[in-house]
All heavy atoms as atom14 arrays in JSON, in Angstrom:
{
  "sequence": "SFSMFPPFYTDCGMNIFIGKNVFINSGCHFQDQGGIYIGDGSLIGS",
  "atom14_mask": [
    [1, 1, 1, 1, 1, 1, 0, 0, 0, 0, 0, 0, 0, 0],
    [1, 1, 1, 1, 1, 1, 1, 1, 1, 1, 1, 0, 0, 0],
    [1, 1, 1, 1, 1, 1, 0, 0, 0, 0, 0, 0, 0, 0],
    [1, 1, 1, 1, 1, 1, 1, 1, 0, 0, 0, 0, 0, 0],
    [1, 1, 1, 1, 1, 1, 1, 1, 1, 1, 1, 0, 0, 0],
    [1, 1, 1, 1, 1, 1, 1, 0, 0, 0, 0, 0, 0, 0],
    [1, 1, 1, 1, 1, 1, 1, 0, 0, 0, 0, 0, 0, 0],
    [1, 1, 1, 1, 1, 1, 1, 1, 1, 1, 1, 0, 0, 0],
    [1, 1, 1, 1, 1, 1, 1, 1, 1, 1, 1, 1, 0, 0],
    [1, 1, 1, 1, 1, 1, 1, 0, 0, 0, 0, 0, 0, 0],
    [1, 1, 1, 1, 1, 1, 1, 1, 0, 0, 0, 0, 0, 0],
    [1, 1, 1, 1, 1, 1, 0, 0, 0, 0, 0, 0, 0, 0],
    [1, 1, 1, 1, 0, 0, 0, 0, 0, 0, 0, 0, 0, 0],
    [1, 1, 1, 1, 1, 1, 1, 1, 0, 0, 0, 0, 0, 0],
    [1, 1, 1, 1, 1, 1, 1, 1, 0, 0, 0, 0, 0, 0],
    [1, 1, 1, 1, 1, 1, 1, 1, 0, 0, 0, 0, 0, 0],
    [1, 1, 1, 1, 1, 1, 1, 1, 1, 1, 1, 0, 0, 0],
    [1, 1, 1, 1, 1, 1, 1, 1, 0, 0, 0, 0, 0, 0],
    [1, 1, 1, 1, 0, 0, 0, 0, 0, 0, 0, 0, 0, 0],
    [1, 1, 1, 1, 1, 1, 1, 1, 1, 0, 0, 0, 0, 0],
    [1, 1, 1, 1, 1, 1, 1, 1, 0, 0, 0, 0, 0, 0],
    [1, 1, 1, 1, 1, 1, 1, 0, 0, 0, 0, 0, 0, 0],
    [1, 1, 1, 1, 1, 1, 1, 1, 1, 1, 1, 0, 0, 0],
    [1, 1, 1, 1, 1, 1, 1, 1, 0, 0, 0, 0, 0, 0],
    [1, 1, 1, 1, 1, 1, 1, 1, 0, 0, 0, 0, 0, 0],
    [1, 1, 1, 1, 1, 1, 0, 0, 0, 0, 0, 0, 0, 0],
    [1, 1, 1, 1, 0, 0, 0, 0, 0, 0, 0, 0, 0, 0],
    [1, 1, 1, 1, 1, 1, 0, 0, 0, 0, 0, 0, 0, 0],
    [1, 1, 1, 1, 1, 1, 1, 1, 1, 1, 0, 0, 0, 0],
    [1, 1, 1, 1, 1, 1, 1, 1, 1, 1, 1, 0, 0, 0],
    [1, 1, 1, 1, 1, 1, 1, 1, 1, 0, 0, 0, 0, 0],
    [1, 1, 1, 1, 1, 1, 1, 1, 0, 0, 0, 0, 0, 0],
    [1, 1, 1, 1, 1, 1, 1, 1, 1, 0, 0, 0, 0, 0],
    [1, 1, 1, 1, 0, 0, 0, 0, 0, 0, 0, 0, 0, 0],
    [1, 1, 1, 1, 0, 0, 0, 0, 0, 0, 0, 0, 0, 0],
    [1, 1, 1, 1, 1, 1, 1, 1, 0, 0, 0, 0, 0, 0],
    [1, 1, 1, 1, 1, 1, 1, 1, 1, 1, 1, 1, 0, 0],
    [1, 1, 1, 1, 1, 1, 1, 1, 0, 0, 0, 0, 0, 0],
    [1, 1, 1, 1, 0, 0, 0, 0, 0, 0, 0, 0, 0, 0],
    [1, 1, 1, 1, 1, 1, 1, 1, 0, 0, 0, 0, 0, 0],
    [1, 1, 1, 1, 0, 0, 0, 0, 0, 0, 0, 0, 0, 0],
    [1, 1, 1, 1, 1, 1, 0, 0, 0, 0, 0, 0, 0, 0],
    [1, 1, 1, 1, 1, 1, 1, 1, 0, 0, 0, 0, 0, 0],
    [1, 1, 1, 1, 1, 1, 1, 1, 0, 0, 0, 0, 0, 0],
    [1, 1, 1, 1, 0, 0, 0, 0, 0, 0, 0, 0, 0, 0],
    [1, 1, 1, 1, 1, 1, 0, 0, 0, 0, 0, 0, 0, 0]
  ],
  "atom14_positions": [
    [[32.54, 29.37, 3.76], [32.88, 29.77, 5.12], [32.33, 28.81, 6.18], [32.66, 28.93, 7.36], [32.34, 31.18, 5.39], [30.92, 31.19, 5.26], [0.0, 0.0, 0.0], [0.0, 0.0, 0.0], [0.0, 0.0, 0.0], [0.0, 0.0, 0.0], [0.0, 0.0, 0.0], [0.0, 0.0, 0.0], [0.0, 0.0, 0.0], [0.0, 0.0, 0.0]],
    [[31.49, 27.86, 5.77], [30.91, 26.87, 6.68], [31.97, 25.89, 7.15], [32.85, 25.5, 6.39], [29.8, 26.1, 5.95], [29.28, 24.91, 6.71], [28.36, 25.05, 7.73], [29.71, 23.63, 6.38], [27.88, 23.96, 8.41], [29.23, 22.52, 7.06], [28.31, 22.69, 8.08], [0.0, 0.0, 0.0], [0.0, 0.0, 0.0], [0.0, 0.0, 0.0]],
    [[31.87, 25.46, 8.42], [32.74, 24.38, 8.89], [32.0, 23.5, 9.89], [31.03, 23.93, 10.52], [34.04, 24.92, 9.5], [33.78, 25.74, 10.61], [0.0, 0.0, 0.0], [0.0, 0.0, 0.0], [0.0, 0.0, 0.0], [0.0, 0.0, 0.0], [0.0, 0.0, 0.0], [0.0, 0.0, 0.0], [0.0, 0.0, 0.0], [0.0, 0.0, 0.0]],
    [[32.48, 22.27, 10.02], [31.81, 21.27, 10.85], [32.83, 20.26, 11.35], [33.78, 19.93, 10.65], [30.75, 20.54, 10.03], [30.15, 19.32, 10.71], [29.04, 18.41, 9.63], [27.59, 19.43, 9.81], [0.0, 0.0, 0.0], [0.0, 0.0, 0.0], [0.0, 0.0, 0.0], [0.0, 0.0, 0.0], [0.0, 0.0, 0.0], [0.0, 0.0, 0.0]],
    [[32.6, 19.76, 12.56], [33.32, 18.6, 13.07], [32.32, 17.45, 13.12], [31.41, 17.47, 13.95], [33.87, 18.85, 14.48], [34.99, 19.86, 14.56], [35.32, 20.42, 15.79], [35.71, 20.25, 13.45], [36.34, 21.34, 15.9], [36.74, 21.18, 13.55], [37.06, 21.72, 14.78], [0.0, 0.0, 0.0], [0.0, 0.0, 0.0], [0.0, 0.0, 0.0]],
    [[32.45, 16.46, 12.23], [31.56, 15.29, 12.31], [31.84, 14.49, 13.58], [32.87, 14.7, 14.2], [31.93, 14.48, 11.06], [32.62, 15.46, 10.16], [33.32, 16.43, 11.08], [0.0, 0.0, 0.0], [0.0, 0.0, 0.0], [0.0, 0.0, 0.0], [0.0, 0.0, 0.0], [0.0, 0.0, 0.0], [0.0, 0.0, 0.0], [0.0, 0.0, 0.0]],
    [[30.97, 13.56, 13.95], [29.84, 13.07, 13.18], [28.66, 14.03, 13.22], [28.56, 14.89, 14.1], [29.49, 11.75, 13.83], [29.9, 11.92, 15.25], [31.13, 12.79, 15.21], [0.0, 0.0, 0.0], [0.0, 0.0, 0.0], [0.0, 0.0, 0.0], [0.0, 0.0, 0.0], [0.0, 0.0, 0.0], [0.0, 0.0, 0.0], [0.0, 0.0, 0.0]],
    [[27.77, 13.86, 12.27], [26.56, 14.66, 12.12], [25.44, 13.72, 11.7], [25.66, 12.81, 10.9], [26.77, 15.74, 11.06], [25.53, 16.5, 10.73], [25.05, 17.48, 11.6], [24.85, 16.26, 9.55], [23.9, 18.19, 11.29], [23.71, 16.97, 9.23], [23.24, 17.94, 10.1], [0.0, 0.0, 0.0], [0.0, 0.0, 0.0], [0.0, 0.0, 0.0]],
    [[24.25, 13.95, 12.23], [23.12, 13.07, 11.94], [21.91, 13.91, 11.53], [21.68, 14.98, 12.1], [22.75, 12.24, 13.17], [23.93, 11.48, 13.71], [24.7, 12.01, 14.75], [24.33, 10.26, 13.15], [25.81, 11.34, 15.24], [25.44, 9.58, 13.64], [26.18, 10.12, 14.68], [27.28, 9.47, 15.14], [0.0, 0.0, 0.0], [0.0, 0.0, 0.0]],
    [[21.17, 13.42, 10.56], [19.93, 14.06, 10.15], [18.95, 13.01, 9.67], [19.36, 11.97, 9.15], [20.17, 15.13, 9.06], [18.91, 15.72, 8.73], [20.79, 14.54, 7.81], [0.0, 0.0, 0.0], [0.0, 0.0, 0.0], [0.0, 0.0, 0.0], [0.0, 0.0, 0.0], [0.0, 0.0, 0.0], [0.0, 0.0, 0.0], [0.0, 0.0, 0.0]],
    [[17.66, 13.3, 9.85], [16.6, 12.39, 9.43], [16.12, 12.68, 8.02], [15.34, 11.93, 7.47], [15.39, 12.53, 10.35], [15.69, 12.19, 11.79], [16.87, 12.21, 12.17], [14.74, 11.92, 12.53], [0.0, 0.0, 0.0], [0.0, 0.0, 0.0], [0.0, 0.0, 0.0], [0.0, 0.0, 0.0], [0.0, 0.0, 0.0], [0.0, 0.0, 0.0]],
    [[16.52, 13.82, 7.46], [16.06, 14.22, 6.12], [17.19, 14.96, 5.41], [17.65, 14.51, 4.37], [14.81, 15.1, 6.24], [14.19, 15.73, 4.68], [0.0, 0.0, 0.0], [0.0, 0.0, 0.0], [0.0, 0.0, 0.0], [0.0, 0.0, 0.0], [0.0, 0.0, 0.0], [0.0, 0.0, 0.0], [0.0, 0.0, 0.0], [0.0, 0.0, 0.0]],
    [[17.6, 16.09, 5.94], [18.72, 16.85, 5.39], [18.31, 17.91, 4.4], [18.96, 18.95, 4.29], [0.0, 0.0, 0.0], [0.0, 0.0, 0.0], [0.0, 0.0, 0.0], [0.0, 0.0, 0.0], [0.0, 0.0, 0.0], [0.0, 0.0, 0.0], [0.0, 0.0, 0.0], [0.0, 0.0, 0.0], [0.0, 0.0, 0.0], [0.0, 0.0, 0.0]],
    [[17.25, 17.67, 3.66], [16.89, 18.57, 2.57], [16.08, 19.78, 3.01], [15.78, 20.65, 2.2], [16.14, 17.79, 1.49], [17.02, 16.71, 0.88], [16.24, 15.88, -0.5], [16.52, 17.13, -1.77], [0.0, 0.0, 0.0], [0.0, 0.0, 0.0], [0.0, 0.0, 0.0], [0.0, 0.0, 0.0], [0.0, 0.0, 0.0], [0.0, 0.0, 0.0]],
    [[15.77, 19.89, 4.3], [15.09, 21.08, 4.83], [15.98, 21.8, 5.84], [15.5, 22.42, 6.79], [13.73, 20.72, 5.44], [12.59, 21.0, 4.48], [12.77, 21.69, 3.48], [11.42, 20.47, 4.78], [0.0, 0.0, 0.0], [0.0, 0.0, 0.0], [0.0, 0.0, 0.0], [0.0, 0.0, 0.0], [0.0, 0.0, 0.0], [0.0, 0.0, 0.0]],
    [[17.31, 21.71, 5.62], [18.28, 22.47, 6.41], [18.78, 23.61, 5.55], [19.2, 23.4, 4.41], [19.47, 21.58, 6.85], [19.0, 20.41, 7.71], [20.51, 22.43, 7.6], [20.1, 19.4, 7.99], [0.0, 0.0, 0.0], [0.0, 0.0, 0.0], [0.0, 0.0, 0.0], [0.0, 0.0, 0.0], [0.0, 0.0, 0.0], [0.0, 0.0, 0.0]],
    [[18.75, 24.83, 6.1], [19.2, 26.03, 5.4], [20.27, 26.69, 6.27], [19.98, 27.08, 7.4], [18.03, 26.98, 5.15], [16.95, 26.34, 4.32], [15.95, 25.59, 4.93], [16.95, 26.48, 2.95], [14.96, 24.98, 4.17], [15.96, 25.88, 2.18], [14.97, 25.13, 2.79], [0.0, 0.0, 0.0], [0.0, 0.0, 0.0], [0.0, 0.0, 0.0]],
    [[21.5, 26.79, 5.76], [22.66, 27.23, 6.54], [23.22, 28.51, 5.95], [23.54, 28.57, 4.76], [23.74, 26.14, 6.56], [23.18, 24.84, 7.16], [24.97, 26.61, 7.33], [24.11, 23.65, 7.04], [0.0, 0.0, 0.0], [0.0, 0.0, 0.0], [0.0, 0.0, 0.0], [0.0, 0.0, 0.0], [0.0, 0.0, 0.0], [0.0, 0.0, 0.0]],
    [[23.38, 29.53, 6.8], [23.97, 30.8, 6.37], [25.48, 30.72, 6.26], [26.08, 29.63, 6.28], [0.0, 0.0, 0.0], [0.0, 0.0, 0.0], [0.0, 0.0, 0.0], [0.0, 0.0, 0.0], [0.0, 0.0, 0.0], [0.0, 0.0, 0.0], [0.0, 0.0, 0.0], [0.0, 0.0, 0.0], [0.0, 0.0, 0.0], [0.0, 0.0, 0.0]],
    [[26.11, 31.87, 6.18], [27.56, 31.97, 6.05], [28.21, 31.98, 7.43], [27.6, 32.39, 8.41], [27.93, 33.25, 5.29], [27.43, 33.25, 3.87], [27.77, 34.54, 3.17], [27.23, 34.49, 1.75], [27.48, 35.72, 1.03], [0.0, 0.0, 0.0], [0.0, 0.0, 0.0], [0.0, 0.0, 0.0], [0.0, 0.0, 0.0], [0.0, 0.0, 0.0]],
    [[29.47, 31.53, 7.48], [30.28, 31.54, 8.71], [29.61, 30.79, 9.85], [29.69, 31.19, 11.01], [30.6, 32.98, 9.14], [31.45, 33.68, 8.13], [32.52, 33.2, 7.76], [30.98, 34.82, 7.65], [0.0, 0.0, 0.0], [0.0, 0.0, 0.0], [0.0, 0.0, 0.0], [0.0, 0.0, 0.0], [0.0, 0.0, 0.0], [0.0, 0.0, 0.0]],
    [[28.96, 29.69, 9.52], [28.31, 28.84, 10.52], [29.27, 27.71, 10.88], [29.93, 27.14, 10.01], [26.98, 28.28, 9.98], [26.43, 27.18, 10.88], [25.97, 29.4, 9.81], [0.0, 0.0, 0.0], [0.0, 0.0, 0.0], [0.0, 0.0, 0.0], [0.0, 0.0, 0.0], [0.0, 0.0, 0.0], [0.0, 0.0, 0.0], [0.0, 0.0, 0.0]],
    [[29.32, 27.39, 12.18], [30.1, 26.24, 12.65], [29.18, 25.29, 13.39], [28.41, 25.71, 14.26], [31.23, 26.68, 13.59], [31.93, 25.51, 14.23], [32.73, 24.65, 13.49], [31.76, 25.27, 15.58], [33.35, 23.56, 14.1], [32.39, 24.18, 16.2], [33.18, 23.33, 15.45], [0.0, 0.0, 0.0], [0.0, 0.0, 0.0], [0.0, 0.0, 0.0]],
    [[29.25, 24.01, 13.04], [28.49, 22.96, 13.72], [29.48, 21.97, 14.31], [30.28, 21.36, 13.58], [27.52, 22.25, 12.75], [26.51, 23.26, 12.2], [26.81, 21.09, 13.45], [25.61, 22.72, 11.1], [0.0, 0.0, 0.0], [0.0, 0.0, 0.0], [0.0, 0.0, 0.0], [0.0, 0.0, 0.0], [0.0, 0.0, 0.0], [0.0, 0.0, 0.0]],
    [[29.45, 21.81, 15.64], [30.38, 20.92, 16.33], [29.91, 19.47, 16.24], [28.84, 19.18, 15.71], [30.54, 21.37, 17.78], [31.93, 21.11, 18.31], [32.61, 20.17, 17.9], [32.38, 21.95, 19.24], [0.0, 0.0, 0.0], [0.0, 0.0, 0.0], [0.0, 0.0, 0.0], [0.0, 0.0, 0.0], [0.0, 0.0, 0.0], [0.0, 0.0, 0.0]],
    [[30.67, 18.58, 16.79], [30.47, 17.14, 16.61], [29.25, 16.59, 17.33], [28.84, 17.09, 18.37], [31.71, 16.37, 17.06], [31.91, 16.56, 18.44], [0.0, 0.0, 0.0], [0.0, 0.0, 0.0], [0.0, 0.0, 0.0], [0.0, 0.0, 0.0], [0.0, 0.0, 0.0], [0.0, 0.0, 0.0], [0.0, 0.0, 0.0], [0.0, 0.0, 0.0]],
    [[28.67, 15.56, 16.73], [27.61, 14.79, 17.35], [26.23, 15.42, 17.31], [25.33, 14.97, 18.03], [0.0, 0.0, 0.0], [0.0, 0.0, 0.0], [0.0, 0.0, 0.0], [0.0, 0.0, 0.0], [0.0, 0.0, 0.0], [0.0, 0.0, 0.0], [0.0, 0.0, 0.0], [0.0, 0.0, 0.0], [0.0, 0.0, 0.0], [0.0, 0.0, 0.0]],
    [[26.01, 16.43, 16.48], [24.7, 17.07, 16.42], [23.71, 16.21, 15.64], [24.08, 15.47, 14.73], [24.81, 18.44, 15.76], [25.68, 19.64, 16.77], [0.0, 0.0, 0.0], [0.0, 0.0, 0.0], [0.0, 0.0, 0.0], [0.0, 0.0, 0.0], [0.0, 0.0, 0.0], [0.0, 0.0, 0.0], [0.0, 0.0, 0.0], [0.0, 0.0, 0.0]],
    [[22.43, 16.34, 16.02], [21.35, 15.63, 15.33], [20.28, 16.65, 14.96], [19.69, 17.27, 15.83], [20.73, 14.54, 16.21], [19.74, 13.72, 15.45], [19.78, 12.36, 15.45], [18.7, 14.06, 14.66], [18.8, 11.9, 14.69], [18.13, 12.93, 14.21], [0.0, 0.0, 0.0], [0.0, 0.0, 0.0], [0.0, 0.0, 0.0], [0.0, 0.0, 0.0]],
    [[20.07, 16.79, 13.65], [19.06, 17.71, 13.13], [17.91, 16.9, 12.56], [18.06, 16.22, 11.56], [19.64, 18.6, 12.03], [20.62, 19.65, 12.48], [21.09, 19.71, 13.78], [21.09, 20.58, 11.58], [21.99, 20.68, 14.17], [21.99, 21.56, 11.95], [22.45, 21.61, 13.26], [0.0, 0.0, 0.0], [0.0, 0.0, 0.0], [0.0, 0.0, 0.0]],
    [[16.77, 16.97, 13.2], [15.54, 16.35, 12.69], [14.83, 17.47, 11.94], [14.01, 18.19, 12.49], [14.71, 15.82, 13.87], [13.46, 15.11, 13.47], [12.53, 14.96, 14.64], [12.29, 15.9, 15.38], [11.99, 13.76, 14.79], [0.0, 0.0, 0.0], [0.0, 0.0, 0.0], [0.0, 0.0, 0.0], [0.0, 0.0, 0.0], [0.0, 0.0, 0.0]],
    [[15.14, 17.61, 10.68], [14.84, 18.84, 9.94], [13.62, 18.8, 9.04], [13.4, 19.74, 8.27], [16.05, 19.2, 9.08], [16.33, 18.17, 8.0], [16.8, 17.08, 8.34], [16.08, 18.46, 6.82], [0.0, 0.0, 0.0], [0.0, 0.0, 0.0], [0.0, 0.0, 0.0], [0.0, 0.0, 0.0], [0.0, 0.0, 0.0], [0.0, 0.0, 0.0]],
    [[12.8, 17.79, 9.11], [11.69, 17.72, 8.17], [10.88, 19.02, 8.12], [10.48, 19.47, 7.05], [10.75, 16.54, 8.5], [11.33, 15.2, 8.22], [12.06, 14.62, 9.41], [12.46, 15.32, 10.33], [12.25, 13.32, 9.41], [0.0, 0.0, 0.0], [0.0, 0.0, 0.0], [0.0, 0.0, 0.0], [0.0, 0.0, 0.0], [0.0, 0.0, 0.0]],
    [[10.63, 19.63, 9.24], [9.84, 20.86, 9.3], [10.6, 22.11, 8.89], [10.01, 23.17, 8.73], [0.0, 0.0, 0.0], [0.0, 0.0, 0.0], [0.0, 0.0, 0.0], [0.0, 0.0, 0.0], [0.0, 0.0, 0.0], [0.0, 0.0, 0.0], [0.0, 0.0, 0.0], [0.0, 0.0, 0.0], [0.0, 0.0, 0.0], [0.0, 0.0, 0.0]],
    [[11.9, 22.01, 8.72], [12.73, 23.14, 8.31], [13.58, 23.67, 9.45], [13.06, 24.0, 10.51], [0.0, 0.0, 0.0], [0.0, 0.0, 0.0], [0.0, 0.0, 0.0], [0.0, 0.0, 0.0], [0.0, 0.0, 0.0], [0.0, 0.0, 0.0], [0.0, 0.0, 0.0], [0.0, 0.0, 0.0], [0.0, 0.0, 0.0], [0.0, 0.0, 0.0]],
    [[14.88, 23.73, 9.22], [15.82, 24.34, 10.17], [16.56, 25.43, 9.41], [17.16, 25.17, 8.36], [16.83, 23.31, 10.72], [16.11, 22.25, 11.57], [17.92, 24.01, 11.54], [17.0, 21.12, 12.04], [0.0, 0.0, 0.0], [0.0, 0.0, 0.0], [0.0, 0.0, 0.0], [0.0, 0.0, 0.0], [0.0, 0.0, 0.0], [0.0, 0.0, 0.0]],
    [[16.49, 26.65, 9.93], [17.12, 27.82, 9.32], [18.17, 28.34, 10.29], [17.84, 28.7, 11.42], [16.09, 28.9, 9.04], [14.98, 28.43, 8.12], [13.86, 27.77, 8.62], [15.07, 28.65, 6.75], [12.85, 27.33, 7.77], [14.06, 28.21, 5.9], [12.96, 27.55, 6.42], [11.97, 27.12, 5.58], [0.0, 0.0, 0.0], [0.0, 0.0, 0.0]],
    [[19.44, 28.37, 9.86], [20.54, 28.81, 10.71], [21.15, 30.06, 10.1], [21.66, 30.03, 8.97], [21.61, 27.71, 10.85], [20.97, 26.42, 11.41], [22.76, 28.18, 11.75], [21.9, 25.23, 11.39], [0.0, 0.0, 0.0], [0.0, 0.0, 0.0], [0.0, 0.0, 0.0], [0.0, 0.0, 0.0], [0.0, 0.0, 0.0], [0.0, 0.0, 0.0]],
    [[21.12, 31.16, 10.86], [21.61, 32.45, 10.37], [23.12, 32.55, 10.35], [23.84, 31.78, 10.99], [0.0, 0.0, 0.0], [0.0, 0.0, 0.0], [0.0, 0.0, 0.0], [0.0, 0.0, 0.0], [0.0, 0.0, 0.0], [0.0, 0.0, 0.0], [0.0, 0.0, 0.0], [0.0, 0.0, 0.0], [0.0, 0.0, 0.0], [0.0, 0.0, 0.0]],
    [[23.6, 33.54, 9.61], [25.04, 33.8, 9.47], [25.71, 33.93, 10.83], [25.15, 34.52, 11.76], [25.27, 35.11, 8.7], [24.79, 35.06, 7.26], [24.51, 33.95, 6.75], [24.7, 36.14, 6.65], [0.0, 0.0, 0.0], [0.0, 0.0, 0.0], [0.0, 0.0, 0.0], [0.0, 0.0, 0.0], [0.0, 0.0, 0.0], [0.0, 0.0, 0.0]],
    [[26.92, 33.38, 10.93], [27.75, 33.56, 12.11], [27.35, 32.75, 13.32], [27.91, 32.94, 14.4], [0.0, 0.0, 0.0], [0.0, 0.0, 0.0], [0.0, 0.0, 0.0], [0.0, 0.0, 0.0], [0.0, 0.0, 0.0], [0.0, 0.0, 0.0], [0.0, 0.0, 0.0], [0.0, 0.0, 0.0], [0.0, 0.0, 0.0], [0.0, 0.0, 0.0]],
    [[26.41, 31.83, 13.17], [25.96, 31.05, 14.33], [26.89, 29.89, 14.64], [27.52, 29.32, 13.75], [24.54, 30.55, 14.12], [23.64, 31.63, 14.18], [0.0, 0.0, 0.0], [0.0, 0.0, 0.0], [0.0, 0.0, 0.0], [0.0, 0.0, 0.0], [0.0, 0.0, 0.0], [0.0, 0.0, 0.0], [0.0, 0.0, 0.0], [0.0, 0.0, 0.0]],
    [[26.96, 29.55, 15.93], [27.79, 28.46, 16.43], [26.89, 27.43, 17.1], [26.14, 27.78, 18.02], [28.81, 28.97, 17.45], [29.7, 30.13, 17.01], [30.52, 30.63, 18.2], [30.6, 29.7, 15.87], [0.0, 0.0, 0.0], [0.0, 0.0, 0.0], [0.0, 0.0, 0.0], [0.0, 0.0, 0.0], [0.0, 0.0, 0.0], [0.0, 0.0, 0.0]],
    [[26.97, 26.19, 16.67], [26.16, 25.11, 17.23], [27.11, 24.18, 17.97], [27.99, 23.57, 17.36], [25.4, 24.34, 16.13], [24.69, 25.28, 15.15], [24.46, 23.31, 16.75], [23.57, 26.08, 15.71], [0.0, 0.0, 0.0], [0.0, 0.0, 0.0], [0.0, 0.0, 0.0], [0.0, 0.0, 0.0], [0.0, 0.0, 0.0], [0.0, 0.0, 0.0]],
    [[26.94, 24.05, 19.28], [27.82, 23.23, 20.11], [27.64, 21.74, 19.87], [26.7, 21.29, 19.2], [0.0, 0.0, 0.0], [0.0, 0.0, 0.0], [0.0, 0.0, 0.0], [0.0, 0.0, 0.0], [0.0, 0.0, 0.0], [0.0, 0.0, 0.0], [0.0, 0.0, 0.0], [0.0, 0.0, 0.0], [0.0, 0.0, 0.0], [0.0, 0.0, 0.0]],
    [[28.53, 20.97, 20.45], [28.5, 19.52, 20.27], [27.25, 18.91, 20.9], [26.71, 19.43, 21.88], [29.75, 18.87, 20.85], [29.83, 19.13, 22.23], [0.0, 0.0, 0.0], [0.0, 0.0, 0.0], [0.0, 0.0, 0.0], [0.0, 0.0, 0.0], [0.0, 0.0, 0.0], [0.0, 0.0, 0.0], [0.0, 0.0, 0.0], [0.0, 0.0, 0.0]]
  ]
}
């Protein structure tokens, strides 16, 4: 159920946790070393 519009940038990637029905719009940058947790149904703007 996940969807995304690239581009997408991350400094690590392995500490990102994404729920169901999440949308991430274009040009986002996740500096996730410390952990990023995104709950179900969330929308992340460009």
